[in-house]
């Protein structure tokens, strides 16, 4: 496989990792409800001239599938991104990158529950290993502190956000919607804007100024539109499973960018917790042999009733 095929997923994960630092930079510069809403308004404004005519041609499908499109827009854009901005107020970009890397593992677990996919050896073993890593990370090196409920609010919110995005991927697979990829994205963006409008109206409404316009531009174009294009290109070229492996690089990229841009310091528990999460995710993606083999169909007892 040509190495150039690996550039799109690598670029997408690099931009997503940079967005973890952007989340930190928004603290004090713009309210979470404002940037969560404005980034998708910007994305919608950029996409509309190119996609609105095609979306109109598919209006019958959009009208029929609007409840599912609404749920997908809420999970994948409203909650995943919105909760991350709130989480940034009480956690670090490094922690956010590590916890976001749990998405592939959570997808495996939710697929077993919702899609009735047989759990694999890697899914179970990797899930336990990653859970230990998350406990070390949330407990700042002391997992027992979880019993005292001393976990940072931002870390818990990132776990919820990662779960929402994993659920988004599972439901996207469960609900095959007959729309071209870009139109499917466009419809979800519209619903995301509608869901994020009430929190924005309730405030606080942060005005756009020189101090936050760059953050909105990065979140609205590279982190929303460009990454979507790169990710779709990656899935088309190397497949969804191969592309999702690149998400494992997010903790490393997030930590490097955070150290360079924010001066964050990496502690030992970051390395230990991050390594366990990373190993757990890799195990879940590579050790795919089902734990239990399906039982062969057995012939029914009794006389043959065929004529």
Protein backbone atom coordinates (compact mmCIF):
# COMPACT_ATOMS: atom_id res chain seq x y z
CA UNK A 1 0.00 0.00 0.00
CA UNK A 2 1.52 3.40 -0.98
CA UNK A 3 2.64 5.48 2.00
CA UNK A 4 0.73 8.46 0.62
CA UNK A 5 -2.49 6.62 1.57
CA UNK A 6 -1.57 7.08 5.23
CA UNK A 7 -1.32 10.87 4.97
CA UNK A 8 -5.09 11.62 5.18
CA UNK A 9 -5.71 9.77 8.50
CA UNK A 10 -2.44 11.10 9.89
CA UNK A 11 -3.43 14.65 8.96
CA UNK A 12 -6.91 14.25 10.44
CA UNK A 13 -5.60 12.95 13.78
CA UNK A 14 -2.98 15.71 13.89
CA UNK A 15 -5.67 18.39 13.42
CA UNK A 16 -7.89 16.74 16.04
CA UNK A 17 -4.96 16.66 18.46
CA UNK A 18 -4.35 20.35 17.83
CA UNK A 19 -7.99 20.98 18.60
CA UNK A 20 -7.39 19.67 22.13
CA UNK A 21 -5.02 22.59 22.63
CA UNK A 22 -7.53 24.93 20.99
CA UNK A 23 -10.05 23.73 23.57
CA UNK A 24 -7.67 24.86 26.31
CA UNK A 25 -7.06 28.22 24.65
CA UNK A 26 -10.80 28.91 24.58
CA UNK A 27 -10.90 28.98 28.40
CA UNK A 28 -11.31 32.63 29.34
CA UNK A 29 -11.39 33.74 25.69
CA UNK A 30 -14.84 32.49 24.69
CA UNK A 31 -17.66 30.68 26.47
CA UNK A 32 -18.04 26.95 25.67
CA UNK A 33 -21.61 27.46 24.48
CA UNK A 34 -20.47 30.24 22.14
CA UNK A 35 -17.62 28.42 20.38
CA UNK A 36 -19.59 25.16 20.23
CA UNK A 37 -22.36 27.00 18.37
CA UNK A 38 -20.27 29.40 16.28
CA UNK A 39 -17.89 26.73 14.95
CA UNK A 40 -20.77 24.79 13.39
CA UNK A 41 -22.47 27.97 12.17
CA UNK A 42 -19.20 28.77 10.39
CA UNK A 43 -18.97 25.24 8.99
CA UNK A 44 -22.58 25.47 7.82
CA UNK A 45 -21.94 28.82 6.14
CA UNK A 46 -18.91 27.43 4.28
CA UNK A 47 -20.66 24.21 3.19
CA UNK A 48 -24.04 25.67 2.18
CA UNK A 49 -23.06 27.21 -1.21
CA UNK A 50 -21.57 23.87 -2.30
CA UNK A 51 -24.01 21.38 -0.76
CA UNK A 52 -27.40 23.09 -0.47
CA UNK A 53 -28.45 22.40 -4.11
CA UNK A 54 -27.54 18.70 -3.79
CA UNK A 55 -29.23 18.49 -0.38
CA UNK A 56 -32.41 19.88 -1.92
CA UNK A 57 -32.39 17.05 -4.48
CA UNK A 58 -32.29 14.57 -1.58
CA UNK A 59 -34.95 16.41 0.46
CA UNK A 60 -37.32 13.40 0.42
CA UNK A 61 -34.72 11.17 2.07
CA UNK A 62 -33.76 13.90 4.55
CA UNK A 63 -37.42 14.42 5.47
CA UNK A 64 -37.91 10.68 5.97
CA UNK A 65 -34.70 10.18 7.98
CA UNK A 66 -34.71 13.42 9.97
CA UNK A 67 -35.12 11.78 13.44
CA UNK A 68 -32.01 9.68 12.88
CA UNK A 69 -30.10 12.59 11.39
CA UNK A 70 -31.05 14.67 14.44
CA UNK A 71 -29.73 12.03 16.86
CA UNK A 72 -26.50 11.71 14.89
CA UNK A 73 -26.02 15.47 14.82
CA UNK A 74 -26.62 15.68 18.56
CA UNK A 75 -24.19 12.86 19.43
CA UNK A 76 -21.40 13.45 16.93
CA UNK A 77 -21.29 17.23 16.85
CA UNK A 78 -23.39 18.70 19.63
CA UNK A 79 -22.42 16.59 22.66
CA UNK A 80 -18.97 15.36 21.55
CA UNK A 81 -17.67 18.82 20.79
CA UNK A 82 -19.78 20.79 23.26
CA UNK A 83 -18.80 18.67 26.26
CA UNK A 84 -15.13 18.88 25.26
CA UNK A 85 -15.21 22.69 25.51
CA UNK A 86 -16.74 22.50 28.98
CA UNK A 87 -14.23 19.82 29.99
CA UNK A 88 -11.31 22.04 28.95
CA UNK A 89 -12.10 24.36 31.85
CA UNK A 90 -11.09 21.75 34.46
CA UNK A 91 -8.67 19.37 32.74
CA UNK A 92 -5.57 19.47 30.55
CA UNK A 93 -5.15 19.02 26.80
CA UNK A 94 -2.96 15.99 27.52
CA UNK A 95 -5.72 14.29 29.52
CA UNK A 96 -8.28 15.17 26.85
CA UNK A 97 -6.13 13.58 24.15
CA UNK A 98 -5.67 10.37 26.14
CA UNK A 99 -9.36 10.07 26.99
CA UNK A 100 -10.41 10.86 23.41
CA UNK A 101 -8.26 7.92 22.28
CA UNK A 102 -10.75 5.65 24.05
CA UNK A 103 -13.27 6.17 21.23
CA UNK A 104 -12.23 3.07 19.20
CA UNK A 105 -12.37 0.86 22.29
CA UNK A 106 -15.73 2.24 23.37
CA UNK A 107 -16.97 1.67 19.83
CA UNK A 108 -16.04 -2.01 20.10
CA UNK A 109 -17.84 -2.35 23.44
CA UNK A 110 -20.97 -0.50 22.31
CA UNK A 111 -21.06 -2.52 19.09
CA UNK A 112 -21.23 -5.69 21.17
CA UNK A 113 -24.14 -4.27 23.18
CA UNK A 114 -26.14 -2.53 20.46
CA UNK A 115 -25.23 -4.33 17.24
CA UNK A 116 -25.05 -7.73 18.96
CA UNK A 117 -21.56 -8.25 17.61
CA UNK A 118 -19.82 -11.08 19.45
CA UNK A 119 -17.25 -9.70 21.92
CA UNK A 120 -13.67 -10.55 21.02
CA UNK A 121 -10.77 -11.60 23.18
CA UNK A 122 -9.06 -8.29 22.49
CA UNK A 123 -12.24 -6.35 23.22
CA UNK A 124 -12.62 -7.83 26.69
CA UNK A 125 -8.93 -7.94 27.67
CA UNK A 126 -8.23 -4.57 26.06
CA UNK A 127 -11.25 -3.06 27.77
CA UNK A 128 -10.04 -4.15 31.20
CA UNK A 129 -6.52 -2.88 30.50
CA UNK A 130 -7.78 0.47 29.21
CA UNK A 131 -10.11 0.80 32.19
CA UNK A 132 -7.12 0.46 34.53
CA UNK A 133 -5.30 3.11 32.51
CA UNK A 134 -8.25 5.48 32.71
CA UNK A 135 -8.51 4.91 36.47
CA UNK A 136 -4.82 5.84 36.86
CA UNK A 137 -5.33 8.92 34.71
CA UNK A 138 -8.53 10.07 36.42
CA UNK A 139 -7.00 9.46 39.84
CA UNK A 140 -3.85 11.42 38.92
CA UNK A 141 -1.76 8.33 39.62
CA UNK A 142 -3.88 7.12 42.53
CA UNK A 143 -6.83 5.01 41.31
CA UNK A 144 -8.08 4.66 44.89
CA UNK A 145 -8.91 8.36 44.88
CA UNK A 146 -11.87 7.48 42.65
CA UNK A 147 -13.50 6.00 45.74
CA UNK A 148 -13.32 9.44 47.34
CA UNK A 149 -14.96 11.08 44.31
CA UNK A 150 -12.01 13.42 43.82
CA UNK A 151 -11.99 13.09 40.04
CA UNK A 152 -11.71 16.30 38.00
CA UNK A 153 -15.02 17.28 36.44
CA UNK A 154 -13.34 17.83 33.08
CA UNK A 155 -11.99 14.27 32.95
CA UNK A 156 -15.43 12.81 33.62
CA UNK A 157 -16.95 15.04 30.95
CA UNK A 158 -14.35 13.82 28.43
CA UNK A 159 -15.28 10.22 29.23
CA UNK A 160 -18.95 11.10 28.56
CA UNK A 161 -17.96 12.97 25.38
CA UNK A 162 -15.91 10.02 24.11
CA UNK A 163 -18.83 7.70 24.84
CA UNK A 164 -21.16 9.97 22.85
CA UNK A 165 -18.82 9.92 19.86
CA UNK A 166 -18.40 6.14 20.06
CA UNK A 167 -22.19 5.80 20.18
CA UNK A 168 -22.37 8.11 17.16
CA UNK A 169 -20.17 5.73 15.18
CA UNK A 170 -22.20 2.70 16.23
CA UNK A 171 -25.54 4.31 15.35
CA UNK A 172 -24.12 5.52 12.05
CA UNK A 173 -23.41 1.86 11.26
CA UNK A 174 -26.77 0.65 12.57
CA UNK A 175 -28.72 3.24 10.59
CA UNK A 176 -27.62 3.04 6.95
CA UNK A 177 -29.01 6.28 5.54
CA UNK A 178 -29.23 6.49 1.75
CA UNK A 179 -27.43 9.81 1.33
CA UNK A 180 -24.05 10.73 -0.22
CA UNK A 181 -21.37 11.25 2.48
CA UNK A 182 -21.16 15.02 2.17
CA UNK A 183 -24.96 15.43 2.19
CA UNK A 184 -25.14 13.15 5.23
CA UNK A 185 -22.61 15.39 6.97
CA UNK A 186 -24.40 18.57 5.88
CA UNK A 187 -27.73 17.40 7.28
CA UNK A 188 -26.10 16.52 10.60
CA UNK A 189 -24.44 19.94 10.79
CA UNK A 190 -27.84 21.61 10.35
CA UNK A 191 -29.29 19.65 13.27
CA UNK A 192 -26.18 20.29 15.38
CA UNK A 193 -26.65 24.04 14.88
CA UNK A 194 -30.30 23.74 15.92
CA UNK A 195 -29.40 21.78 19.08
CA UNK A 196 -26.62 24.20 20.02
CA UNK A 197 -28.74 27.31 19.43
CA UNK A 198 -30.63 27.25 22.81
CA UNK A 199 -27.43 27.01 24.96
CA UNK A 200 -25.95 29.86 22.95
CA UNK A 201 -29.05 32.01 23.42
CA UNK A 202 -29.07 31.28 27.15
CA UNK A 203 -25.53 32.58 27.25
CA UNK A 204 -23.15 33.85 28.12
CA UNK A 205 -22.80 35.13 24.55
CA UNK A 206 -19.15 35.96 24.00
CA UNK A 207 -18.66 38.52 21.24
CA UNK A 208 -16.30 37.60 18.42
CA UNK A 209 -13.11 39.63 18.66
CA UNK A 210 -9.43 39.49 17.75
CA UNK A 211 -8.75 37.29 20.75
CA UNK A 212 -11.05 34.44 19.77
CA UNK A 213 -11.74 34.68 16.04
CA UNK A 214 -8.72 32.49 15.27
CA UNK A 215 -9.99 29.82 17.65
CA UNK A 216 -13.39 29.82 15.94
CA UNK A 217 -11.80 29.64 12.49
CA UNK A 218 -9.63 26.67 13.47
CA UNK A 219 -12.52 24.82 15.10
CA UNK A 220 -14.96 25.61 12.29
CA UNK A 221 -12.83 24.85 9.21
CA UNK A 222 -9.79 22.58 9.84
CA UNK A 223 -11.26 20.71 12.83
CA UNK A 224 -14.75 20.37 11.32
CA UNK A 225 -14.58 20.38 7.53
CA UNK A 226 -11.01 19.44 6.55
CA UNK A 227 -10.81 16.58 9.03
CA UNK A 228 -14.12 15.21 7.76
CA UNK A 229 -12.83 15.22 4.19
CA UNK A 230 -9.51 13.62 5.20
CA UNK A 231 -11.26 10.97 7.27
CA UNK A 232 -13.69 10.03 4.49
CA UNK A 233 -10.72 9.86 2.10
CA UNK A 234 -8.84 7.64 4.56
CA UNK A 235 -11.76 5.24 4.97
CA UNK A 236 -12.18 5.00 1.20
CA UNK A 237 -8.48 4.25 0.65
CA UNK A 238 -7.47 2.03 3.58
CA UNK A 239 -10.75 1.10 5.28
CA UNK A 240 -12.41 2.11 8.54
CA UNK A 241 -10.54 -0.38 10.73
CA UNK A 242 -7.11 0.62 9.46
CA UNK A 243 -7.97 4.32 9.68
CA UNK A 244 -9.21 4.07 13.27
CA UNK A 245 -5.81 2.76 14.39
CA UNK A 246 -4.37 6.23 13.75
CA UNK A 247 -6.56 7.60 16.56
CA UNK A 248 -4.11 5.85 18.89
CA UNK A 249 -1.60 8.58 18.01
CA UNK A 250 -3.84 11.26 19.49
CA UNK A 251 -2.43 11.07 23.05
CA UNK A 252 1.13 11.49 21.74
CA UNK A 253 0.27 14.34 19.37
CA UNK A 254 -1.91 16.08 21.97
CA UNK A 255 0.85 15.91 24.59
CA UNK A 256 3.52 17.27 22.21
CA UNK A 257 1.32 20.14 21.00
CA UNK A 258 0.23 20.96 24.57
CA UNK A 259 3.84 21.06 25.78
CA UNK A 260 4.85 23.33 22.90
CA UNK A 261 1.84 25.67 22.94
CA UNK A 262 0.67 25.62 26.56
CA UNK A 263 3.76 24.61 28.50
CA UNK A 264 1.97 21.61 30.01
CA UNK A 265 4.20 19.20 31.90
CA UNK A 266 3.84 15.45 31.52
CA UNK A 267 3.79 13.45 34.75
CA UNK A 268 4.54 9.75 35.23
CA UNK A 269 0.85 8.90 35.56
CA UNK A 270 0.28 10.37 32.09
CA UNK A 271 2.77 7.89 30.63
CA UNK A 272 1.44 4.92 32.61
CA UNK A 273 -2.26 5.66 32.09
CA UNK A 274 -1.79 6.65 28.46
CA UNK A 275 0.27 3.52 27.69
CA UNK A 276 -2.36 1.24 29.24
CA UNK A 277 -5.18 2.95 27.31
CA UNK A 278 -3.15 2.74 24.10
CA UNK A 279 -2.34 -0.95 24.61
CA UNK A 280 -5.97 -1.69 25.43
CA UNK A 281 -7.21 0.02 22.28
CA UNK A 282 -4.65 -1.78 20.09
CA UNK A 283 -5.62 -5.14 21.63
CA UNK A 284 -9.30 -4.45 20.95
CA UNK A 285 -8.56 -3.64 17.31
CA UNK A 286 -6.12 -6.45 16.55
CA UNK A 287 -7.27 -9.45 18.64
CA UNK A 288 -10.63 -9.83 16.93
CA UNK A 289 -11.20 -13.56 17.45
CA UNK A 290 -14.64 -14.03 19.09
CA UNK A 291 -14.62 -15.37 22.62
CA UNK A 292 -17.32 -17.92 21.78
CA UNK A 293 -17.82 -19.62 18.46
CA UNK A 294 -21.37 -19.63 17.10
CA UNK A 295 -23.15 -22.89 17.68
CA UNK A 296 -23.74 -24.94 14.52
CA UNK A 297 -27.34 -25.33 13.53
CA UNK A 298 -28.74 -28.66 14.69
CA UNK A 299 -31.40 -30.61 12.91
CA UNK A 300 -34.74 -30.74 14.65
CA UNK A 301 -35.81 -34.06 16.12
CA UNK A 302 -38.82 -35.84 14.72
CA UNK A 303 -39.95 -37.28 11.42
CA UNK A 304 -39.20 -35.56 8.15
CA UNK A 305 -42.32 -33.64 7.17
CA UNK A 306 -41.17 -32.56 3.71
CA UNK A 307 -43.16 -33.94 0.82
